[in-house]
PDB file of N, CA and C in Angstrom:
ATOM      1  N   MET A   1     -78.007  17.708  34.293  1.00  0.00           N
ATOM      2  CA  MET A   1     -77.835  18.328  32.924  1.00  0.00           C
ATOM      3  C   MET A   1     -78.919  19.284  32.630  1.00  0.00           C
ATOM      4  N   THR A   2     -78.692  20.424  32.196  1.00  0.00           N
ATOM      5  CA  THR A   2     -79.685  21.422  31.818  1.00  0.00           C
ATOM      6  C   THR A   2     -80.030  21.460  30.318  1.00  0.00           C
ATOM      7  N   GLU A   3     -81.270  21.529  30.064  1.00  0.00           N
ATOM      8  CA  GLU A   3     -81.693  21.514  28.658  1.00  0.00           C
ATOM      9  C   GLU A   3     -81.566  22.962  28.081  1.00  0.00           C
ATOM     10  N   PHE A   4     -80.919  23.211  26.997  1.00  0.00           N
ATOM     11  CA  PHE A   4     -80.822  24.538  26.442  1.00  0.00           C
ATOM     12  C   PHE A   4     -81.979  24.688  25.409  1.00  0.00           C
ATOM     13  N   ARG A   5     -82.735  25.853  25.534  1.00  0.00           N
ATOM     14  CA  ARG A   5     -83.752  26.171  24.569  1.00  0.00           C
ATOM     15  C   ARG A   5     -83.606  27.619  24.254  1.00  0.00           C
ATOM     16  N   PRO A   6     -83.584  27.875  22.936  1.00  0.00           N
ATOM     17  CA  PRO A   6     -83.656  29.308  22.544  1.00  0.00           C
ATOM     18  C   PRO A   6     -84.947  29.982  23.059  1.00  0.00           C
ATOM     19  N   PRO A   7     -84.932  31.224  23.257  1.00  0.00           N
ATOM     20  CA  PRO A   7     -86.143  31.940  23.676  1.00  0.00           C
ATOM     21  C   PRO A   7     -87.366  31.652  22.850  1.00  0.00           C
ATOM     22  N   GLY A   8     -88.466  31.282  23.468  1.00  0.00           N
ATOM     23  CA  GLY A   8     -89.702  30.909  22.690  1.00  0.00           C
ATOM     24  C   GLY A   8     -89.809  29.454  22.339  1.00  0.00           C
ATOM     25  N   ALA A   9     -88.782  28.718  22.465  1.00  0.00           N
ATOM     26  CA  ALA A   9     -88.810  27.253  22.029  1.00  0.00           C
ATOM     27  C   ALA A   9     -89.389  26.501  23.189  1.00  0.00           C
ATOM     28  N   GLN A  10     -90.104  25.376  22.757  1.00  0.00           N
ATOM     29  CA  GLN A  10     -90.819  24.561  23.804  1.00  0.00           C
ATOM     30  C   GLN A  10     -89.763  23.445  24.251  1.00  0.00           C
ATOM     31  N   SER A  11     -89.970  22.885  25.330  1.00  0.00           N
ATOM     32  CA  SER A  11     -89.128  21.779  25.834  1.00  0.00           C
ATOM     33  C   SER A  11     -89.378  20.604  25.071  1.00  0.00           C
ATOM     34  N   ALA A  12     -88.427  19.717  24.754  1.00  0.00           N
ATOM     35  CA  ALA A  12     -88.596  18.483  24.063  1.00  0.00           C
ATOM     36  C   ALA A  12     -89.460  17.529  24.963  1.00  0.00           C
ATOM     37  N   ALA A  13     -89.400  17.682  26.292  1.00  0.00           N
ATOM     38  CA  ALA A  13     -90.206  16.848  27.107  1.00  0.00           C
ATOM     39  C   ALA A  13     -91.595  17.263  27.224  1.00  0.00           C
ATOM     40  N   ASP A  14     -91.911  18.465  26.767  1.00  0.00           N
ATOM     41  CA  ASP A  14     -93.278  19.096  26.802  1.00  0.00           C
ATOM     42  C   ASP A  14     -93.528  19.747  25.459  1.00  0.00           C
ATOM     43  N   PRO A  15     -93.679  19.068  24.392  1.00  0.00           N
ATOM     44  CA  PRO A  15     -93.855  19.680  23.073  1.00  0.00           C
ATOM     45  C   PRO A  15     -95.067  20.526  22.879  1.00  0.00           C
ATOM     46  N   GLY A  16     -96.085  20.424  23.725  1.00  0.00           N
ATOM     47  CA  GLY A  16     -97.276  21.224  23.571  1.00  0.00           C
ATOM     48  C   GLY A  16     -98.288  20.407  22.712  1.00  0.00           C
ATOM     49  N   ASP A  17     -99.521  20.936  22.778  1.00  0.00           N
ATOM     50  CA  ASP A  17    -100.618  20.202  22.071  1.00  0.00           C
ATOM     51  C   ASP A  17    -100.532  20.333  20.582  1.00  0.00           C
ATOM     52  N   ASP A  18    -100.028  21.432  20.039  1.00  0.00           N
ATOM     53  CA  ASP A  18    -100.058  21.566  18.579  1.00  0.00           C
ATOM     54  C   ASP A  18     -98.692  21.048  18.007  1.00  0.00           C
ATOM     55  N   ALA A  19     -97.888  20.467  18.679  1.00  0.00           N
ATOM     56  CA  ALA A  19     -96.511  19.996  18.158  1.00  0.00           C
ATOM     57  C   ALA A  19     -96.883  18.823  17.190  1.00  0.00           C
ATOM     58  N   ALA A  20     -96.189  18.823  16.097  1.00  0.00           N
ATOM     59  CA  ALA A  20     -96.302  17.711  15.121  1.00  0.00           C
ATOM     60  C   ALA A  20     -94.929  17.216  14.877  1.00  0.00           C
ATOM     61  N   TYR A  21     -94.751  15.929  14.922  1.00  0.00           N
ATOM     62  CA  TYR A  21     -93.403  15.379  14.593  1.00  0.00           C
ATOM     63  C   TYR A  21     -93.586  14.033  13.970  1.00  0.00           C
ATOM     64  N   ASP A  22     -92.594  13.646  13.295  1.00  0.00           N
ATOM     65  CA  ASP A  22     -92.499  12.291  12.740  1.00  0.00           C
ATOM     66  C   ASP A  22     -91.378  11.557  13.440  1.00  0.00           C
ATOM     67  N   ALA A  23     -91.411  10.232  13.330  1.00  0.00           N
ATOM     68  CA  ALA A  23     -90.382   9.365  14.038  1.00  0.00           C
ATOM     69  C   ALA A  23     -89.781   8.416  13.063  1.00  0.00           C
ATOM     70  N   VAL A  24     -88.478   8.177  13.046  1.00  0.00           N
ATOM     71  CA  VAL A  24     -87.811   7.197  12.367  1.00  0.00           C
ATOM     72  C   VAL A  24     -87.189   6.245  13.394  1.00  0.00           C
ATOM     73  N   VAL A  25     -87.508   4.992  13.307  1.00  0.00           N
ATOM     74  CA  VAL A  25     -86.964   4.025  14.263  1.00  0.00           C
ATOM     75  C   VAL A  25     -85.973   3.119  13.482  1.00  0.00           C
ATOM     76  N   LEU A  26     -84.711   3.069  13.895  1.00  0.00           N
ATOM     77  CA  LEU A  26     -83.706   2.225  13.257  1.00  0.00           C
ATOM     78  C   LEU A  26     -83.663   0.993  14.106  1.00  0.00           C
ATOM     79  N   ALA A  27     -84.219  -0.102  13.603  1.00  0.00           N
ATOM     80  CA  ALA A  27     -84.399  -1.321  14.307  1.00  0.00           C
ATOM     81  C   ALA A  27     -83.623  -2.470  13.684  1.00  0.00           C
ATOM     82  N   GLY A  28     -82.340  -2.513  13.802  1.00  0.00           N
ATOM     83  CA  GLY A  28     -81.590  -3.587  13.141  1.00  0.00           C
ATOM     84  C   GLY A  28     -80.150  -3.638  13.584  1.00  0.00           C
ATOM     85  N   GLY A  29     -79.318  -4.189  12.861  1.00  0.00           N
ATOM     86  CA  GLY A  29     -77.865  -4.271  13.112  1.00  0.00           C
ATOM     87  C   GLY A  29     -77.557  -5.723  13.508  1.00  0.00           C
ATOM     88  N   GLY A  30     -76.245  -5.904  13.616  1.00  0.00           N
ATOM     89  CA  GLY A  30     -75.694  -7.286  13.867  1.00  0.00           C
ATOM     90  C   GLY A  30     -75.853  -7.827  15.243  1.00  0.00           C
ATOM     91  N   ALA A  31     -76.080  -6.908  16.196  1.00  0.00           N
ATOM     92  CA  ALA A  31     -76.250  -7.309  17.635  1.00  0.00           C
ATOM     93  C   ALA A  31     -75.052  -8.108  18.114  1.00  0.00           C
ATOM     94  N   ARG A  32     -73.829  -7.778  17.644  1.00  0.00           N
ATOM     95  CA  ARG A  32     -72.670  -8.551  18.024  1.00  0.00           C
ATOM     96  C   ARG A  32     -72.502  -8.519  19.544  1.00  0.00           C
ATOM     97  N   ARG A  33     -72.772  -7.350  20.188  1.00  0.00           N
ATOM     98  CA  ARG A  33     -72.571  -7.280  21.662  1.00  0.00           C
ATOM     99  C   ARG A  33     -73.698  -8.041  22.448  1.00  0.00           C
ATOM    100  N   LEU A  34     -74.753  -8.472  21.677  1.00  0.00           N
ATOM    101  CA  LEU A  34     -75.841  -9.237  22.383  1.00  0.00           C
ATOM    102  C   LEU A  34     -75.845 -10.698  21.925  1.00  0.00           C
ATOM    103  N   GLY A  35     -74.762 -11.075  21.313  1.00  0.00           N
ATOM    104  CA  GLY A  35     -74.615 -12.477  20.904  1.00  0.00           C
ATOM    105  C   GLY A  35     -75.404 -12.786  19.556  1.00  0.00           C
ATOM    106  N   GLY A  36     -75.742 -11.734  18.791  1.00  0.00           N
ATOM    107  CA  GLY A  36     -76.460 -11.940  17.580  1.00  0.00           C
ATOM    108  C   GLY A  36     -78.016 -12.151  17.599  1.00  0.00           C
ATOM    109  N   VAL A  37     -78.523 -11.835  18.772  1.00  0.00           N
ATOM    110  CA  VAL A  37     -79.977 -12.035  18.990  1.00  0.00           C
ATOM    111  C   VAL A  37     -80.690 -10.960  18.156  1.00  0.00           C
ATOM    112  N   ASP A  38     -82.021 -11.231  17.946  1.00  0.00           N
ATOM    113  CA  ASP A  38     -82.897 -10.359  17.281  1.00  0.00           C
ATOM    114  C   ASP A  38     -83.198  -9.201  18.174  1.00  0.00           C
ATOM    115  N   LYS A  39     -82.492  -8.019  18.025  1.00  0.00           N
ATOM    116  CA  LYS A  39     -82.654  -6.876  18.848  1.00  0.00           C
ATOM    117  C   LYS A  39     -84.101  -6.329  18.940  1.00  0.00           C
ATOM    118  N   PRO A  40     -84.854  -6.146  17.878  1.00  0.00           N
ATOM    119  CA  PRO A  40     -86.233  -5.615  17.987  1.00  0.00           C
ATOM    120  C   PRO A  40     -87.108  -6.598  18.774  1.00  0.00           C
ATOM    121  N   GLY A  41     -86.784  -7.912  18.776  1.00  0.00           N
ATOM    122  CA  GLY A  41     -87.577  -8.859  19.515  1.00  0.00           C
ATOM    123  C   GLY A  41     -87.156  -9.095  21.013  1.00  0.00           C
ATOM    124  N   VAL A  42     -86.056  -8.465  21.396  1.00  0.00           N
ATOM    125  CA  VAL A  42     -85.491  -8.667  22.814  1.00  0.00           C
ATOM    126  C   VAL A  42     -86.593  -8.215  23.705  1.00  0.00           C
ATOM    127  N   ARG A  43     -86.905  -9.040  24.698  1.00  0.00           N
ATOM    128  CA  ARG A  43     -87.986  -8.662  25.671  1.00  0.00           C
ATOM    129  C   ARG A  43     -87.391  -7.870  26.870  1.00  0.00           C
ATOM    130  N   VAL A  44     -87.974  -6.770  27.120  1.00  0.00           N
ATOM    131  CA  VAL A  44     -87.562  -5.911  28.223  1.00  0.00           C
ATOM    132  C   VAL A  44     -88.832  -5.711  29.046  1.00  0.00           C
ATOM    133  N   GLY A  45     -88.849  -6.195  30.238  1.00  0.00           N
ATOM    134  CA  GLY A  45     -90.063  -5.985  31.110  1.00  0.00           C
ATOM    135  C   GLY A  45     -91.261  -6.627  30.516  1.00  0.00           C
ATOM    136  N   GLY A  46     -91.075  -7.781  29.822  1.00  0.00           N
ATOM    137  CA  GLY A  46     -92.167  -8.550  29.275  1.00  0.00           C
ATOM    138  C   GLY A  46     -92.666  -8.067  27.895  1.00  0.00           C
ATOM    139  N   ARG A  47     -92.112  -7.007  27.407  1.00  0.00           N
ATOM    140  CA  ARG A  47     -92.432  -6.489  26.016  1.00  0.00           C
ATOM    141  C   ARG A  47     -91.291  -6.457  25.106  1.00  0.00           C
ATOM    142  N   ALA A  48     -91.569  -6.688  23.835  1.00  0.00           N
ATOM    143  CA  ALA A  48     -90.498  -6.609  22.841  1.00  0.00           C
ATOM    144  C   ALA A  48     -90.018  -5.191  22.792  1.00  0.00           C
ATOM    145  N   LEU A  49     -88.708  -5.048  22.606  1.00  0.00           N
ATOM    146  CA  LEU A  49     -88.020  -3.756  22.576  1.00  0.00           C
ATOM    147  C   LEU A  49     -88.611  -2.851  21.474  1.00  0.00           C
ATOM    148  N   LEU A  50     -88.921  -3.404  20.345  1.00  0.00           N
ATOM    149  CA  LEU A  50     -89.526  -2.662  19.313  1.00  0.00           C
ATOM    150  C   LEU A  50     -90.926  -2.126  19.661  1.00  0.00           C
ATOM    151  N   ASP A  51     -91.722  -3.002  20.314  1.00  0.00           N
ATOM    152  CA  ASP A  51     -93.044  -2.576  20.812  1.00  0.00           C
ATOM    153  C   ASP A  51     -92.917  -1.357  21.791  1.00  0.00           C
ATOM    154  N   ARG A  52     -91.836  -1.371  22.640  1.00  0.00           N
ATOM    155  CA  ARG A  52     -91.680  -0.263  23.611  1.00  0.00           C
ATOM    156  C   ARG A  52     -91.326   0.968  22.879  1.00  0.00           C
ATOM    157  N   VAL A  53     -90.429   0.895  21.868  1.00  0.00           N
ATOM    158  CA  VAL A  53     -90.085   2.090  21.118  1.00  0.00           C
ATOM    159  C   VAL A  53     -91.265   2.646  20.337  1.00  0.00           C
ATOM    160  N   LEU A  54     -92.063   1.838  19.729  1.00  0.00           N
ATOM    161  CA  LEU A  54     -93.177   2.251  18.998  1.00  0.00           C
ATOM    162  C   LEU A  54     -94.226   2.882  19.923  1.00  0.00           C
ATOM    163  N   ALA A  55     -94.395   2.446  21.129  1.00  0.00           N
ATOM    164  CA  ALA A  55     -95.267   3.032  22.086  1.00  0.00           C
ATOM    165  C   ALA A  55     -94.767   4.389  22.479  1.00  0.00           C
ATOM    166  N   ALA A  56     -93.501   4.663  22.549  1.00  0.00           N
ATOM    167  CA  ALA A  56     -92.927   5.928  22.858  1.00  0.00           C
ATOM    168  C   ALA A  56     -93.081   6.910  21.736  1.00  0.00           C
ATOM    169  N   CYS A  57     -93.342   6.368  20.517  1.00  0.00           N
ATOM    170  CA  CYS A  57     -93.512   7.220  19.306  1.00  0.00           C
ATOM    171  C   CYS A  57     -95.052   7.384  18.962  1.00  0.00           C
ATOM    172  N   ALA A  58     -95.853   6.977  19.894  1.00  0.00           N
ATOM    173  CA  ALA A  58     -97.286   6.872  19.570  1.00  0.00           C
ATOM    174  C   ALA A  58     -97.884   8.320  19.193  1.00  0.00           C
ATOM    175  N   GLY A  59     -97.195   9.360  19.671  1.00  0.00           N
ATOM    176  CA  GLY A  59     -97.797  10.713  19.326  1.00  0.00           C
ATOM    177  C   GLY A  59     -97.382  11.180  17.935  1.00  0.00           C
ATOM    178  N   ALA A  60     -96.480  10.434  17.269  1.00  0.00           N
ATOM    179  CA  ALA A  60     -95.976  10.973  16.037  1.00  0.00           C
ATOM    180  C   ALA A  60     -96.991  10.832  14.898  1.00  0.00           C
ATOM    181  N   ARG A  61     -96.944  11.858  14.041  1.00  0.00           N
ATOM    182  CA  ARG A  61     -97.866  11.827  12.870  1.00  0.00           C
ATOM    183  C   ARG A  61     -97.675  10.596  11.976  1.00  0.00           C
ATOM    184  N   THR A  62     -96.315  10.308  11.725  1.00  0.00           N
ATOM    185  CA  THR A  62     -95.925   9.239  10.903  1.00  0.00           C
ATOM    186  C   THR A  62     -94.731   8.527  11.563  1.00  0.00           C
ATOM    187  N   THR A  63     -94.727   7.260  11.636  1.00  0.00           N
ATOM    188  CA  THR A  63     -93.592   6.525  12.203  1.00  0.00           C
ATOM    189  C   THR A  63     -93.084   5.550  11.102  1.00  0.00           C
ATOM    190  N   VAL A  64     -91.796   5.535  10.845  1.00  0.00           N
ATOM    191  CA  VAL A  64     -91.200   4.716   9.864  1.00  0.00           C
ATOM    192  C   VAL A  64     -90.215   3.850  10.533  1.00  0.00           C
ATOM    193  N   VAL A  65     -90.322   2.548  10.391  1.00  0.00           N
ATOM    194  CA  VAL A  65     -89.409   1.614  10.966  1.00  0.00           C
ATOM    195  C   VAL A  65     -88.417   1.137   9.885  1.00  0.00           C
ATOM    196  N   VAL A  66     -87.145   1.286  10.095  1.00  0.00           N
ATOM    197  CA  VAL A  66     -86.117   0.877   9.123  1.00  0.00           C
ATOM    198  C   VAL A  66     -85.516  -0.352   9.674  1.00  0.00           C
ATOM    199  N   ALA A  67     -85.759  -1.454   8.996  1.00  0.00           N
ATOM    200  CA  ALA A  67     -85.283  -2.780   9.543  1.00  0.00           C
ATOM    201  C   ALA A  67     -85.321  -3.807   8.419  1.00  0.00           C
ATOM    202  N   ASP A  68     -84.647  -4.971   8.641  1.00  0.00           N
ATOM    203  CA  ASP A  68     -84.825  -6.058   7.742  1.00  0.00           C
ATOM    204  C   ASP A  68     -86.322  -6.574   7.797  1.00  0.00           C
ATOM    205  N   PRO A  69     -86.762  -7.238   6.764  1.00  0.00           N
ATOM    206  CA  PRO A  69     -88.186  -7.704   6.734  1.00  0.00           C
ATOM    207  C   PRO A  69     -88.290  -8.784   7.918  1.00  0.00           C
ATOM    208  N   ARG A  70     -89.454  -8.731   8.582  1.00  0.00           N
ATOM    209  CA  ARG A  70     -89.759  -9.549   9.717  1.00  0.00           C
ATOM    210  C   ARG A  70     -91.076 -10.326   9.417  1.00  0.00           C
ATOM    211  N   PRO A  71     -91.249 -11.521  10.057  1.00  0.00           N
ATOM    212  CA  PRO A  71     -92.527 -12.117   9.932  1.00  0.00           C
ATOM    213  C   PRO A  71     -93.650 -11.377  10.661  1.00  0.00           C
TER     214      PRO A  71
END
């Protein structure tokens, strides 16, 4: 698949040093297809899924997590 970029736009994979972005993480839902487990807490490669997503958003100016309250 080829990424489309208008002339002068930067690649999403390489936003550049001066790129500023915010992140919104939707971490919830009924998890019906997972048997009702706590999706943000599901461990993938030894780390909670939510921790993995937050690490991927580490460069964001602001990160907002939308979810039910958690301990």
